Amino acid sequence: MIVRLVRMTFRPGEAAHFQELFNGWRHRIIATPGCRMLELLRDTQDRSVFFTRSEWESPESLEAYRRSATFADVWPVVKALFAAPAAAWTLEVEHHMQHPGTREDTTPPA
């Protein structure tokens, strides 16, 4: 499993527009084969900064999404709203814990 983080900074007044667009696209993104989870996060200090956090079964499933019709529809529209270039990271999960009683620990085996 991999995690993809994308940091996006929007021009003044575009945050609400982005949120509307994301609401329309999120079901298509999560339906992509290999996508396990999708979150939209917002910076608590700079309200024009958002992150998407998604979990993918493999780097190949993420790459297939990046070549998909959904990505081709989403990315150019979102990119046009940016105040600065996006930054993205693809990460492997080394350890994952949650408070007992929430969900079981899903730490990958060593």
N, C-alpha and C. Protein backbone atom coordinates (compact mmCIF):
# COMPACT_ATOMS: atom_id res chain seq x y z
N MET A 1 0.84 -1.18 0.00
CA MET A 1 0.00 0.00 0.00
C MET A 1 0.88 1.24 0.00
N ILE A 2 0.43 2.26 -0.73
CA ILE A 2 1.12 3.55 -0.72
C ILE A 2 0.12 4.65 -0.36
N VAL A 3 0.66 5.75 0.11
CA VAL A 3 -0.14 6.94 0.44
C VAL A 3 0.34 8.06 -0.47
N ARG A 4 -0.59 8.78 -1.02
CA ARG A 4 -0.27 9.93 -1.87
C ARG A 4 -0.79 11.18 -1.18
N LEU A 5 0.12 12.13 -0.94
CA LEU A 5 -0.24 13.43 -0.38
C LEU A 5 0.00 14.47 -1.46
N VAL A 6 -0.99 15.33 -1.66
CA VAL A 6 -0.85 16.42 -2.62
C VAL A 6 -1.25 17.71 -1.92
N ARG A 7 -0.32 18.67 -1.91
CA ARG A 7 -0.56 19.98 -1.29
C ARG A 7 -0.92 20.96 -2.40
N MET A 8 -2.04 21.65 -2.23
CA MET A 8 -2.51 22.60 -3.23
C MET A 8 -2.82 23.94 -2.55
N THR A 9 -2.31 25.02 -3.12
CA THR A 9 -2.58 26.36 -2.63
C THR A 9 -3.38 27.09 -3.69
N PHE A 10 -4.55 27.59 -3.29
CA PHE A 10 -5.47 28.21 -4.23
C PHE A 10 -5.41 29.73 -4.19
N ARG A 11 -5.72 30.33 -5.32
CA ARG A 11 -5.80 31.79 -5.40
C ARG A 11 -6.93 32.27 -4.49
N PRO A 12 -6.83 33.51 -4.00
CA PRO A 12 -7.91 34.05 -3.15
C PRO A 12 -9.27 33.90 -3.84
N GLY A 13 -10.23 33.42 -3.07
CA GLY A 13 -11.59 33.25 -3.58
C GLY A 13 -11.85 31.95 -4.30
N GLU A 14 -10.83 31.12 -4.53
CA GLU A 14 -11.02 29.87 -5.28
C GLU A 14 -11.21 28.65 -4.39
N ALA A 15 -11.01 28.77 -3.08
CA ALA A 15 -11.13 27.62 -2.19
C ALA A 15 -12.54 27.03 -2.23
N ALA A 16 -13.54 27.87 -2.15
CA ALA A 16 -14.93 27.37 -2.17
C ALA A 16 -15.24 26.70 -3.52
N HIS A 17 -14.74 27.28 -4.60
CA HIS A 17 -14.94 26.68 -5.92
C HIS A 17 -14.29 25.29 -5.97
N PHE A 18 -13.05 25.19 -5.45
CA PHE A 18 -12.39 23.89 -5.42
C PHE A 18 -13.20 22.87 -4.61
N GLN A 19 -13.72 23.27 -3.46
CA GLN A 19 -14.50 22.35 -2.62
C GLN A 19 -15.73 21.84 -3.38
N GLU A 20 -16.39 22.70 -4.11
CA GLU A 20 -17.54 22.27 -4.92
C GLU A 20 -17.11 21.26 -5.98
N LEU A 21 -16.01 21.56 -6.66
CA LEU A 21 -15.51 20.64 -7.68
C LEU A 21 -15.13 19.30 -7.06
N PHE A 22 -14.42 19.33 -5.94
CA PHE A 22 -14.02 18.09 -5.27
C PHE A 22 -15.23 17.25 -4.90
N ASN A 23 -16.26 17.89 -4.38
CA ASN A 23 -17.49 17.15 -4.03
C ASN A 23 -18.08 16.43 -5.24
N GLY A 24 -17.98 17.03 -6.39
CA GLY A 24 -18.49 16.40 -7.61
C GLY A 24 -17.62 15.28 -8.12
N TRP A 25 -16.32 15.35 -7.87
CA TRP A 25 -15.37 14.37 -8.40
C TRP A 25 -15.01 13.25 -7.45
N ARG A 26 -15.20 13.45 -6.17
CA ARG A 26 -14.66 12.50 -5.19
C ARG A 26 -15.17 11.07 -5.38
N HIS A 27 -16.41 10.92 -5.81
CA HIS A 27 -16.96 9.57 -6.01
C HIS A 27 -16.30 8.87 -7.19
N ARG A 28 -15.94 9.63 -8.22
CA ARG A 28 -15.24 9.05 -9.36
C ARG A 28 -13.82 8.64 -8.96
N ILE A 29 -13.17 9.47 -8.14
CA ILE A 29 -11.80 9.16 -7.73
C ILE A 29 -11.76 7.91 -6.87
N ILE A 30 -12.62 7.83 -5.86
CA ILE A 30 -12.61 6.67 -4.95
C ILE A 30 -13.02 5.39 -5.68
N ALA A 31 -13.77 5.52 -6.76
CA ALA A 31 -14.18 4.34 -7.54
C ALA A 31 -13.08 3.81 -8.44
N THR A 32 -11.97 4.52 -8.53
CA THR A 32 -10.85 4.07 -9.36
C THR A 32 -10.29 2.76 -8.79
N PRO A 33 -10.09 1.75 -9.63
CA PRO A 33 -9.51 0.51 -9.13
C PRO A 33 -8.19 0.77 -8.41
N GLY A 34 -8.06 0.20 -7.22
CA GLY A 34 -6.85 0.35 -6.43
C GLY A 34 -6.89 1.48 -5.42
N CYS A 35 -7.87 2.37 -5.50
CA CYS A 35 -7.98 3.46 -4.53
C CYS A 35 -8.73 2.94 -3.30
N ARG A 36 -8.06 2.95 -2.15
CA ARG A 36 -8.65 2.42 -0.92
C ARG A 36 -9.29 3.49 -0.06
N MET A 37 -8.79 4.74 -0.16
CA MET A 37 -9.26 5.79 0.72
C MET A 37 -8.93 7.13 0.11
N LEU A 38 -9.78 8.13 0.36
CA LEU A 38 -9.56 9.48 -0.13
C LEU A 38 -10.01 10.46 0.93
N GLU A 39 -9.14 11.42 1.27
CA GLU A 39 -9.48 12.47 2.23
C GLU A 39 -9.13 13.82 1.63
N LEU A 40 -9.91 14.82 1.99
CA LEU A 40 -9.58 16.21 1.70
C LEU A 40 -9.33 16.89 3.04
N LEU A 41 -8.15 17.49 3.17
CA LEU A 41 -7.74 18.14 4.41
C LEU A 41 -7.50 19.62 4.12
N ARG A 42 -7.75 20.48 5.13
CA ARG A 42 -7.54 21.91 4.96
C ARG A 42 -6.64 22.44 6.06
N ASP A 43 -5.69 23.26 5.69
CA ASP A 43 -4.75 23.85 6.64
C ASP A 43 -5.52 24.71 7.64
N THR A 44 -5.17 24.60 8.92
CA THR A 44 -5.87 25.36 9.95
C THR A 44 -5.40 26.81 10.02
N GLN A 45 -4.21 27.09 9.51
CA GLN A 45 -3.68 28.45 9.54
C GLN A 45 -3.90 29.21 8.24
N ASP A 46 -3.69 28.55 7.12
CA ASP A 46 -3.85 29.18 5.80
C ASP A 46 -5.00 28.47 5.10
N ARG A 47 -6.15 29.08 5.10
CA ARG A 47 -7.38 28.44 4.60
C ARG A 47 -7.39 28.29 3.09
N SER A 48 -6.37 28.80 2.40
CA SER A 48 -6.28 28.60 0.95
C SER A 48 -5.48 27.35 0.60
N VAL A 49 -4.96 26.65 1.62
CA VAL A 49 -4.15 25.45 1.41
C VAL A 49 -4.95 24.20 1.75
N PHE A 50 -4.97 23.27 0.82
CA PHE A 50 -5.64 21.98 0.98
C PHE A 50 -4.64 20.87 0.68
N PHE A 51 -4.91 19.72 1.24
CA PHE A 51 -4.17 18.50 0.92
C PHE A 51 -5.18 17.43 0.55
N THR A 52 -4.84 16.60 -0.40
CA THR A 52 -5.57 15.35 -0.57
C THR A 52 -4.64 14.26 -0.05
N ARG A 53 -5.25 13.31 0.61
CA ARG A 53 -4.53 12.12 1.09
C ARG A 53 -5.30 10.93 0.55
N SER A 54 -4.62 10.11 -0.20
CA SER A 54 -5.27 8.92 -0.75
C SER A 54 -4.38 7.71 -0.52
N GLU A 55 -5.02 6.58 -0.36
CA GLU A 55 -4.31 5.31 -0.19
C GLU A 55 -4.57 4.47 -1.43
N TRP A 56 -3.50 3.85 -1.92
CA TRP A 56 -3.56 3.05 -3.15
C TRP A 56 -2.96 1.68 -2.90
N GLU A 57 -3.49 0.68 -3.57
CA GLU A 57 -2.99 -0.68 -3.41
C GLU A 57 -1.54 -0.81 -3.84
N SER A 58 -1.13 -0.04 -4.85
CA SER A 58 0.24 -0.15 -5.37
C SER A 58 0.60 1.12 -6.14
N PRO A 59 1.89 1.32 -6.39
CA PRO A 59 2.27 2.45 -7.25
C PRO A 59 1.64 2.35 -8.64
N GLU A 60 1.45 1.13 -9.11
CA GLU A 60 0.83 0.94 -10.43
C GLU A 60 -0.63 1.39 -10.45
N SER A 61 -1.36 1.16 -9.35
CA SER A 61 -2.75 1.61 -9.33
C SER A 61 -2.83 3.14 -9.30
N LEU A 62 -1.91 3.79 -8.59
CA LEU A 62 -1.87 5.25 -8.61
C LEU A 62 -1.53 5.75 -10.01
N GLU A 63 -0.56 5.12 -10.64
CA GLU A 63 -0.17 5.54 -11.99
C GLU A 63 -1.30 5.33 -12.99
N ALA A 64 -2.06 4.26 -12.83
CA ALA A 64 -3.23 4.02 -13.71
C ALA A 64 -4.25 5.14 -13.53
N TYR A 65 -4.47 5.57 -12.30
CA TYR A 65 -5.38 6.70 -12.06
C TYR A 65 -4.84 7.96 -12.75
N ARG A 66 -3.55 8.20 -12.65
CA ARG A 66 -2.97 9.41 -13.24
C ARG A 66 -3.06 9.40 -14.77
N ARG A 67 -3.29 8.22 -15.37
CA ARG A 67 -3.48 8.10 -16.82
C ARG A 67 -4.96 7.98 -17.19
N SER A 68 -5.85 8.08 -16.21
CA SER A 68 -7.28 7.83 -16.45
C SER A 68 -8.02 9.06 -16.97
N ALA A 69 -9.22 8.81 -17.50
CA ALA A 69 -10.09 9.89 -17.95
C ALA A 69 -10.51 10.78 -16.78
N THR A 70 -10.69 10.18 -15.61
CA THR A 70 -11.06 10.98 -14.43
C THR A 70 -9.97 12.00 -14.13
N PHE A 71 -8.72 11.57 -14.06
CA PHE A 71 -7.62 12.49 -13.79
C PHE A 71 -7.53 13.55 -14.88
N ALA A 72 -7.72 13.15 -16.13
CA ALA A 72 -7.68 14.10 -17.26
C ALA A 72 -8.76 15.16 -17.13
N ASP A 73 -9.90 14.80 -16.54
CA ASP A 73 -10.98 15.76 -16.30
C ASP A 73 -10.68 16.67 -15.11
N VAL A 74 -10.13 16.09 -14.05
CA VAL A 74 -9.94 16.79 -12.78
C VAL A 74 -8.74 17.74 -12.80
N TRP A 75 -7.59 17.22 -13.14
CA TRP A 75 -6.35 17.97 -12.90
C TRP A 75 -6.25 19.31 -13.63
N PRO A 76 -6.56 19.41 -14.92
CA PRO A 76 -6.43 20.71 -15.58
C PRO A 76 -7.34 21.79 -14.98
N VAL A 77 -8.53 21.40 -14.55
CA VAL A 77 -9.46 22.36 -13.96
C VAL A 77 -8.94 22.84 -12.60
N VAL A 78 -8.49 21.89 -11.77
CA VAL A 78 -7.97 22.25 -10.44
C VAL A 78 -6.69 23.07 -10.58
N LYS A 79 -5.81 22.66 -11.44
CA LYS A 79 -4.52 23.33 -11.63
C LYS A 79 -4.71 24.80 -12.01
N ALA A 80 -5.75 25.10 -12.76
CA ALA A 80 -6.02 26.48 -13.18
C ALA A 80 -6.39 27.39 -12.00
N LEU A 81 -6.74 26.81 -10.85
CA LEU A 81 -7.14 27.58 -9.68
C LEU A 81 -5.98 27.86 -8.72
N PHE A 82 -4.81 27.29 -8.98
CA PHE A 82 -3.67 27.36 -8.06
C PHE A 82 -3.05 28.76 -8.00
N ALA A 83 -2.61 29.12 -6.80
CA ALA A 83 -1.79 30.31 -6.59
C ALA A 83 -0.31 29.96 -6.68
N ALA A 84 0.01 28.68 -6.49
CA ALA A 84 1.39 28.18 -6.53
C ALA A 84 1.35 26.75 -7.04
N PRO A 85 2.46 26.26 -7.59
CA PRO A 85 2.46 24.87 -8.05
C PRO A 85 2.15 23.90 -6.90
N ALA A 86 1.47 22.83 -7.24
CA ALA A 86 1.18 21.78 -6.26
C ALA A 86 2.47 21.04 -5.91
N ALA A 87 2.48 20.45 -4.73
CA ALA A 87 3.58 19.57 -4.31
C ALA A 87 2.97 18.22 -3.98
N ALA A 88 3.64 17.15 -4.37
CA ALA A 88 3.08 15.82 -4.15
C ALA A 88 4.16 14.87 -3.65
N TRP A 89 3.73 13.95 -2.80
CA TRP A 89 4.61 12.93 -2.24
C TRP A 89 3.91 11.59 -2.33
N THR A 90 4.65 10.56 -2.70
CA THR A 90 4.15 9.19 -2.68
C THR A 90 4.97 8.47 -1.61
N LEU A 91 4.27 7.91 -0.63
CA LEU A 91 4.91 7.37 0.57
C LEU A 91 4.47 5.93 0.82
N GLU A 92 5.38 5.16 1.40
CA GLU A 92 5.04 3.83 1.88
C GLU A 92 4.72 3.93 3.36
N VAL A 93 3.73 3.20 3.81
CA VAL A 93 3.36 3.18 5.22
C VAL A 93 4.34 2.28 5.95
N GLU A 94 5.05 2.84 6.90
CA GLU A 94 6.00 2.08 7.72
C GLU A 94 5.34 1.58 9.00
N HIS A 95 4.41 2.36 9.51
CA HIS A 95 3.74 1.99 10.76
C HIS A 95 2.43 2.77 10.83
N HIS A 96 1.41 2.12 11.32
CA HIS A 96 0.10 2.77 11.47
C HIS A 96 -0.54 2.26 12.75
N MET A 97 -0.95 3.18 13.60
CA MET A 97 -1.65 2.82 14.84
C MET A 97 -2.87 3.70 14.98
N GLN A 98 -3.87 3.18 15.62
CA GLN A 98 -5.03 3.96 16.00
C GLN A 98 -5.33 3.67 17.45
N HIS A 99 -6.05 4.57 18.05
CA HIS A 99 -6.43 4.40 19.44
C HIS A 99 -7.18 3.08 19.59
N PRO A 100 -6.90 2.31 20.64
CA PRO A 100 -7.61 1.04 20.85
C PRO A 100 -9.12 1.26 20.85
N GLY A 101 -9.81 0.37 20.21
CA GLY A 101 -11.26 0.46 20.15
C GLY A 101 -11.77 1.18 18.91
N THR A 102 -10.86 1.86 18.19
CA THR A 102 -11.28 2.56 16.98
C THR A 102 -11.29 1.61 15.80
N ARG A 103 -10.13 1.04 15.56
CA ARG A 103 -9.92 0.04 14.50
C ARG A 103 -8.68 -0.72 14.88
N GLU A 104 -8.52 -1.88 14.33
CA GLU A 104 -7.32 -2.65 14.67
C GLU A 104 -6.09 -2.03 14.03
N ASP A 105 -4.95 -2.25 14.63
CA ASP A 105 -3.66 -1.79 14.12
C ASP A 105 -3.43 -2.42 12.76
N THR A 106 -3.09 -1.59 11.77
CA THR A 106 -2.87 -2.11 10.42
C THR A 106 -1.42 -1.93 9.97
N THR A 107 -0.50 -2.05 10.92
CA THR A 107 0.92 -1.93 10.60
C THR A 107 1.33 -3.07 9.68
N PRO A 108 1.98 -2.72 8.53
CA PRO A 108 2.44 -3.80 7.66
C PRO A 108 3.45 -4.67 8.39
N PRO A 109 3.49 -5.95 8.11
CA PRO A 109 4.46 -6.83 8.75
C PRO A 109 5.88 -6.45 8.36
N ALA A 110 6.81 -6.66 9.28
CA ALA A 110 8.24 -6.30 9.03
C ALA A 110 8.87 -7.26 8.06
